[in-house]
Amino acid sequence: MLDLTPRQLAILERLAVQGFAVVAFPKYGSAVGVCRGECAALLSPAPGGRLILQGEPCYLLDDNLAVPVLREGKKLFVWKQQSVEATPELEAALSEFKSDLARILESALAAPWDAF
């Protein structure tokens, strides 16, 4: 179980208000998962009460973090033997997810503690 500071918990609350859900990914016990729609990311506690992105946000496939791969000229999101084509709609949703998450995490960095 992660020990999070009050500031890190406040960041997670801010994410929840913006439509993100806090989730656990058992294979990644040292990180906090956040998802919205079919997109997810892992956040790690960092000094100063921050949360930082661990790796790249990705698509959720069967509740697992799928990675983008290129097969036979097609971009796919893959988890083990499962895959789904990276359609323009999925790519747009992932891009919006990344942008929104980055904006919230950056605003938390700039905000003084009492803003939480």
N, C-alpha and C. Protein backbone atom coordinates (compact mmCIF):
# COMPACT_ATOMS: atom_id res chain seq x y z
N MET A 1 0.84 -1.18 0.00
CA MET A 1 0.00 0.00 0.00
C MET A 1 0.88 1.24 0.00
N LEU A 2 0.51 2.20 -0.79
CA LEU A 2 1.27 3.43 -0.89
C LEU A 2 0.96 4.37 0.26
N ASP A 3 1.99 5.03 0.75
CA ASP A 3 1.80 6.10 1.71
C ASP A 3 1.80 7.41 0.94
N LEU A 4 0.66 8.05 0.89
CA LEU A 4 0.54 9.31 0.16
C LEU A 4 0.41 10.46 1.15
N THR A 5 0.97 11.59 0.79
CA THR A 5 0.88 12.78 1.62
C THR A 5 -0.49 13.43 1.42
N PRO A 6 -0.87 14.32 2.33
CA PRO A 6 -2.13 15.05 2.14
C PRO A 6 -2.18 15.79 0.79
N ARG A 7 -1.05 16.34 0.38
CA ARG A 7 -1.03 17.05 -0.90
C ARG A 7 -1.26 16.09 -2.06
N GLN A 8 -0.64 14.91 -2.03
CA GLN A 8 -0.85 13.92 -3.10
C GLN A 8 -2.30 13.46 -3.12
N LEU A 9 -2.88 13.27 -1.96
CA LEU A 9 -4.30 12.90 -1.90
C LEU A 9 -5.18 14.01 -2.48
N ALA A 10 -4.80 15.25 -2.22
CA ALA A 10 -5.56 16.38 -2.76
C ALA A 10 -5.45 16.42 -4.29
N ILE A 11 -4.30 16.07 -4.82
CA ILE A 11 -4.14 16.01 -6.28
C ILE A 11 -5.07 14.94 -6.85
N LEU A 12 -5.13 13.79 -6.20
CA LEU A 12 -6.03 12.73 -6.65
C LEU A 12 -7.49 13.18 -6.59
N GLU A 13 -7.84 13.93 -5.54
CA GLU A 13 -9.20 14.47 -5.45
C GLU A 13 -9.47 15.44 -6.60
N ARG A 14 -8.49 16.26 -6.93
CA ARG A 14 -8.63 17.21 -8.04
C ARG A 14 -8.85 16.45 -9.35
N LEU A 15 -8.11 15.35 -9.53
CA LEU A 15 -8.29 14.52 -10.72
C LEU A 15 -9.69 13.92 -10.76
N ALA A 16 -10.18 13.47 -9.61
CA ALA A 16 -11.52 12.87 -9.54
C ALA A 16 -12.59 13.89 -9.92
N VAL A 17 -12.42 15.12 -9.47
CA VAL A 17 -13.37 16.18 -9.82
C VAL A 17 -13.40 16.42 -11.33
N GLN A 18 -12.26 16.18 -11.98
CA GLN A 18 -12.16 16.38 -13.42
C GLN A 18 -12.53 15.13 -14.22
N GLY A 19 -13.12 14.13 -13.56
CA GLY A 19 -13.63 12.97 -14.27
C GLY A 19 -12.70 11.76 -14.32
N PHE A 20 -11.58 11.83 -13.64
CA PHE A 20 -10.66 10.69 -13.58
C PHE A 20 -11.06 9.81 -12.40
N ALA A 21 -10.90 8.50 -12.55
CA ALA A 21 -11.14 7.56 -11.46
C ALA A 21 -9.80 7.05 -10.96
N VAL A 22 -9.65 6.95 -9.67
CA VAL A 22 -8.44 6.38 -9.08
C VAL A 22 -8.66 4.88 -9.01
N VAL A 23 -7.71 4.13 -9.59
CA VAL A 23 -7.83 2.67 -9.65
C VAL A 23 -6.51 2.03 -9.23
N ALA A 24 -6.60 0.77 -8.88
CA ALA A 24 -5.39 0.00 -8.53
C ALA A 24 -5.09 -0.98 -9.65
N PHE A 25 -3.84 -1.02 -10.04
CA PHE A 25 -3.37 -2.03 -10.97
C PHE A 25 -2.41 -2.92 -10.17
N PRO A 26 -2.86 -4.10 -9.75
CA PRO A 26 -2.07 -4.95 -8.86
C PRO A 26 -0.63 -5.20 -9.33
N LYS A 27 -0.41 -5.27 -10.61
CA LYS A 27 0.95 -5.51 -11.11
C LYS A 27 1.86 -4.30 -10.91
N TYR A 28 1.26 -3.15 -10.59
CA TYR A 28 2.02 -1.91 -10.42
C TYR A 28 1.74 -1.33 -9.04
N GLY A 29 2.08 -2.07 -8.02
CA GLY A 29 1.77 -1.69 -6.65
C GLY A 29 2.47 -0.44 -6.15
N SER A 30 3.53 -0.02 -6.83
CA SER A 30 4.26 1.17 -6.39
C SER A 30 3.71 2.44 -7.04
N ALA A 31 2.60 2.30 -7.76
CA ALA A 31 2.02 3.47 -8.45
C ALA A 31 0.52 3.53 -8.18
N VAL A 32 -0.03 4.70 -8.42
CA VAL A 32 -1.46 4.94 -8.34
C VAL A 32 -1.98 4.97 -9.77
N GLY A 33 -3.02 4.23 -10.04
CA GLY A 33 -3.62 4.25 -11.36
C GLY A 33 -4.73 5.28 -11.44
N VAL A 34 -4.82 5.94 -12.58
CA VAL A 34 -5.95 6.82 -12.86
C VAL A 34 -6.47 6.47 -14.24
N CYS A 35 -7.77 6.49 -14.39
CA CYS A 35 -8.34 6.21 -15.70
C CYS A 35 -9.53 7.12 -15.96
N ARG A 36 -9.82 7.25 -17.22
CA ARG A 36 -11.01 7.97 -17.66
C ARG A 36 -11.38 7.36 -19.00
N GLY A 37 -12.60 6.88 -19.08
CA GLY A 37 -13.01 6.18 -20.30
C GLY A 37 -12.16 4.93 -20.47
N GLU A 38 -11.57 4.79 -21.63
CA GLU A 38 -10.74 3.62 -21.93
C GLU A 38 -9.25 3.93 -21.87
N CYS A 39 -8.89 5.00 -21.18
CA CYS A 39 -7.49 5.41 -21.07
C CYS A 39 -7.06 5.36 -19.61
N ALA A 40 -5.77 5.09 -19.40
CA ALA A 40 -5.26 4.99 -18.04
C ALA A 40 -3.80 5.43 -18.00
N ALA A 41 -3.37 5.76 -16.77
CA ALA A 41 -1.97 6.14 -16.55
C ALA A 41 -1.58 5.73 -15.14
N LEU A 42 -0.28 5.59 -14.95
CA LEU A 42 0.27 5.30 -13.64
C LEU A 42 0.98 6.53 -13.11
N LEU A 43 0.71 6.86 -11.85
CA LEU A 43 1.34 8.00 -11.20
C LEU A 43 2.15 7.51 -10.02
N SER A 44 3.34 8.06 -9.86
CA SER A 44 4.21 7.69 -8.74
C SER A 44 4.35 8.85 -7.78
N PRO A 45 4.36 8.57 -6.49
CA PRO A 45 4.63 9.63 -5.51
C PRO A 45 6.05 10.15 -5.71
N ALA A 46 6.21 11.44 -5.55
CA ALA A 46 7.52 12.07 -5.72
C ALA A 46 7.73 13.06 -4.57
N PRO A 47 8.98 13.45 -4.34
CA PRO A 47 9.26 14.42 -3.28
C PRO A 47 8.46 15.71 -3.46
N GLY A 48 8.22 16.38 -2.36
CA GLY A 48 7.50 17.64 -2.40
C GLY A 48 6.01 17.48 -2.52
N GLY A 49 5.50 16.27 -2.26
CA GLY A 49 4.05 16.06 -2.33
C GLY A 49 3.52 15.99 -3.74
N ARG A 50 4.40 15.70 -4.68
CA ARG A 50 3.97 15.66 -6.08
C ARG A 50 3.58 14.24 -6.48
N LEU A 51 2.88 14.14 -7.60
CA LEU A 51 2.64 12.88 -8.30
C LEU A 51 3.18 13.06 -9.70
N ILE A 52 3.98 12.11 -10.15
CA ILE A 52 4.55 12.22 -11.50
C ILE A 52 4.12 11.03 -12.33
N LEU A 53 4.04 11.25 -13.62
CA LEU A 53 3.65 10.22 -14.56
C LEU A 53 4.74 9.17 -14.65
N GLN A 54 4.34 7.93 -14.55
CA GLN A 54 5.26 6.80 -14.69
C GLN A 54 5.00 6.18 -16.05
N GLY A 55 5.90 6.36 -16.99
CA GLY A 55 5.67 5.86 -18.34
C GLY A 55 4.68 6.73 -19.09
N GLU A 56 4.11 6.17 -20.12
CA GLU A 56 3.15 6.89 -20.96
C GLU A 56 1.73 6.44 -20.66
N PRO A 57 0.78 7.35 -20.70
CA PRO A 57 -0.62 6.93 -20.60
C PRO A 57 -0.93 5.93 -21.72
N CYS A 58 -1.88 5.05 -21.47
CA CYS A 58 -2.17 4.03 -22.46
C CYS A 58 -3.66 3.69 -22.50
N TYR A 59 -3.98 2.82 -23.43
CA TYR A 59 -5.34 2.35 -23.63
C TYR A 59 -5.59 1.16 -22.71
N LEU A 60 -6.80 1.07 -22.18
CA LEU A 60 -7.19 -0.06 -21.34
C LEU A 60 -7.83 -1.14 -22.21
N LEU A 61 -7.29 -2.33 -22.11
CA LEU A 61 -7.83 -3.46 -22.85
C LEU A 61 -8.13 -4.55 -21.84
N ASP A 62 -9.40 -4.82 -21.64
CA ASP A 62 -9.81 -5.82 -20.66
C ASP A 62 -9.29 -5.48 -19.27
N ASP A 63 -9.35 -4.20 -18.92
CA ASP A 63 -8.88 -3.67 -17.63
C ASP A 63 -7.38 -3.82 -17.41
N ASN A 64 -6.63 -3.95 -18.48
CA ASN A 64 -5.17 -4.03 -18.41
C ASN A 64 -4.56 -2.94 -19.27
N LEU A 65 -3.35 -2.53 -18.92
CA LEU A 65 -2.66 -1.48 -19.65
C LEU A 65 -2.09 -2.03 -20.95
N ALA A 66 -2.67 -1.63 -22.06
CA ALA A 66 -2.22 -2.09 -23.37
C ALA A 66 -1.18 -1.12 -23.93
N VAL A 67 -0.25 -1.67 -24.67
CA VAL A 67 0.81 -0.84 -25.24
C VAL A 67 0.60 -0.71 -26.75
N PRO A 68 1.02 0.43 -27.31
CA PRO A 68 0.89 0.59 -28.76
C PRO A 68 2.02 -0.16 -29.47
N VAL A 69 1.66 -0.88 -30.52
CA VAL A 69 2.64 -1.57 -31.35
C VAL A 69 2.26 -1.38 -32.81
N LEU A 70 3.23 -1.55 -33.67
CA LEU A 70 3.00 -1.47 -35.11
C LEU A 70 3.17 -2.86 -35.69
N ARG A 71 2.09 -3.41 -36.26
CA ARG A 71 2.12 -4.74 -36.88
C ARG A 71 1.58 -4.64 -38.29
N GLU A 72 2.40 -5.08 -39.23
CA GLU A 72 1.99 -5.09 -40.63
C GLU A 72 1.43 -3.74 -41.07
N GLY A 73 2.08 -2.68 -40.61
CA GLY A 73 1.68 -1.34 -41.01
C GLY A 73 0.48 -0.77 -40.27
N LYS A 74 -0.06 -1.52 -39.31
CA LYS A 74 -1.20 -1.04 -38.54
C LYS A 74 -0.78 -0.80 -37.10
N LYS A 75 -1.25 0.31 -36.53
CA LYS A 75 -1.00 0.57 -35.13
C LYS A 75 -2.09 -0.11 -34.32
N LEU A 76 -1.66 -0.87 -33.31
CA LEU A 76 -2.57 -1.59 -32.45
C LEU A 76 -2.24 -1.30 -30.99
N PHE A 77 -3.23 -1.48 -30.13
CA PHE A 77 -3.00 -1.51 -28.69
C PHE A 77 -3.07 -2.97 -28.31
N VAL A 78 -2.03 -3.45 -27.60
CA VAL A 78 -1.90 -4.88 -27.34
C VAL A 78 -1.72 -5.15 -25.86
N TRP A 79 -2.43 -6.17 -25.38
CA TRP A 79 -2.23 -6.74 -24.05
C TRP A 79 -2.19 -8.25 -24.23
N LYS A 80 -1.02 -8.84 -24.00
CA LYS A 80 -0.80 -10.27 -24.20
C LYS A 80 -1.26 -10.66 -25.59
N GLN A 81 -2.22 -11.55 -25.70
CA GLN A 81 -2.68 -12.01 -27.03
C GLN A 81 -3.84 -11.18 -27.58
N GLN A 82 -4.33 -10.23 -26.81
CA GLN A 82 -5.45 -9.40 -27.24
C GLN A 82 -4.95 -8.12 -27.89
N SER A 83 -5.71 -7.65 -28.87
CA SER A 83 -5.34 -6.38 -29.50
C SER A 83 -6.58 -5.70 -30.05
N VAL A 84 -6.45 -4.39 -30.20
CA VAL A 84 -7.50 -3.58 -30.80
C VAL A 84 -6.81 -2.54 -31.67
N GLU A 85 -7.40 -2.26 -32.82
CA GLU A 85 -6.80 -1.28 -33.72
C GLU A 85 -6.86 0.11 -33.11
N ALA A 86 -5.78 0.85 -33.28
CA ALA A 86 -5.71 2.22 -32.77
C ALA A 86 -6.39 3.14 -33.79
N THR A 87 -7.70 3.22 -33.68
CA THR A 87 -8.49 4.05 -34.59
C THR A 87 -8.23 5.53 -34.31
N PRO A 88 -8.58 6.39 -35.25
CA PRO A 88 -8.44 7.82 -34.99
C PRO A 88 -9.20 8.26 -33.74
N GLU A 89 -10.35 7.66 -33.48
CA GLU A 89 -11.13 8.01 -32.30
C GLU A 89 -10.39 7.62 -31.01
N LEU A 90 -9.81 6.43 -30.99
CA LEU A 90 -9.06 5.99 -29.81
C LEU A 90 -7.82 6.86 -29.61
N GLU A 91 -7.15 7.17 -30.70
CA GLU A 91 -5.97 8.03 -30.63
C GLU A 91 -6.34 9.41 -30.10
N ALA A 92 -7.48 9.95 -30.54
CA ALA A 92 -7.93 11.27 -30.08
C ALA A 92 -8.28 11.23 -28.60
N ALA A 93 -8.95 10.17 -28.16
CA ALA A 93 -9.31 10.04 -26.75
C ALA A 93 -8.05 9.94 -25.89
N LEU A 94 -7.06 9.19 -26.34
CA LEU A 94 -5.82 9.05 -25.59
C LEU A 94 -5.06 10.38 -25.55
N SER A 95 -5.06 11.09 -26.65
CA SER A 95 -4.39 12.39 -26.69
C SER A 95 -5.05 13.38 -25.74
N GLU A 96 -6.37 13.41 -25.72
CA GLU A 96 -7.10 14.29 -24.80
C GLU A 96 -6.84 13.90 -23.35
N PHE A 97 -6.82 12.61 -23.07
CA PHE A 97 -6.52 12.11 -21.73
C PHE A 97 -5.14 12.59 -21.29
N LYS A 98 -4.14 12.41 -22.15
CA LYS A 98 -2.77 12.84 -21.83
C LYS A 98 -2.71 14.33 -21.54
N SER A 99 -3.34 15.11 -22.40
CA SER A 99 -3.32 16.57 -22.24
C SER A 99 -3.99 17.01 -20.94
N ASP A 100 -5.16 16.45 -20.67
CA ASP A 100 -5.88 16.82 -19.45
C ASP A 100 -5.11 16.41 -18.20
N LEU A 101 -4.54 15.22 -18.22
CA LEU A 101 -3.77 14.75 -17.07
C LEU A 101 -2.54 15.63 -16.85
N ALA A 102 -1.83 15.92 -17.93
CA ALA A 102 -0.63 16.77 -17.82
C ALA A 102 -0.99 18.16 -17.29
N ARG A 103 -2.10 18.72 -17.77
CA ARG A 103 -2.53 20.06 -17.32
C ARG A 103 -2.81 20.06 -15.82
N ILE A 104 -3.51 19.04 -15.35
CA ILE A 104 -3.85 18.98 -13.93
C ILE A 104 -2.61 18.77 -13.07
N LEU A 105 -1.73 17.87 -13.49
CA LEU A 105 -0.51 17.63 -12.72
C LEU A 105 0.39 18.86 -12.71
N GLU A 106 0.49 19.56 -13.84
CA GLU A 106 1.31 20.78 -13.89
C GLU A 106 0.72 21.89 -13.04
N SER A 107 -0.61 22.01 -13.05
CA SER A 107 -1.23 23.06 -12.23
C SER A 107 -1.03 22.75 -10.75
N ALA A 108 -0.98 21.47 -10.40
CA ALA A 108 -0.74 21.09 -9.00
C ALA A 108 0.69 21.45 -8.59
N LEU A 109 1.63 21.36 -9.52
CA LEU A 109 3.01 21.74 -9.23
C LEU A 109 3.13 23.23 -8.96
N ALA A 110 2.38 24.01 -9.72
CA ALA A 110 2.48 25.45 -9.60
C ALA A 110 1.69 26.01 -8.42
N ALA A 111 0.71 25.23 -7.95
CA ALA A 111 -0.16 25.73 -6.89
C ALA A 111 0.53 25.65 -5.52
N PRO A 112 0.36 26.67 -4.72
CA PRO A 112 0.88 26.59 -3.35
C PRO A 112 0.08 25.58 -2.56
N TRP A 113 0.64 25.08 -1.50
CA TRP A 113 -0.02 24.05 -0.69
C TRP A 113 -1.43 24.46 -0.26
N ASP A 114 -1.60 25.71 0.10
CA ASP A 114 -2.91 26.13 0.62
C ASP A 114 -3.97 26.18 -0.47
N ALA A 115 -3.59 25.96 -1.74
CA ALA A 115 -4.57 25.93 -2.81
C ALA A 115 -5.32 24.59 -2.84
N PHE A 116 -4.84 23.64 -2.04
CA PHE A 116 -5.45 22.31 -2.06
C PHE A 116 -6.49 22.20 -1.00
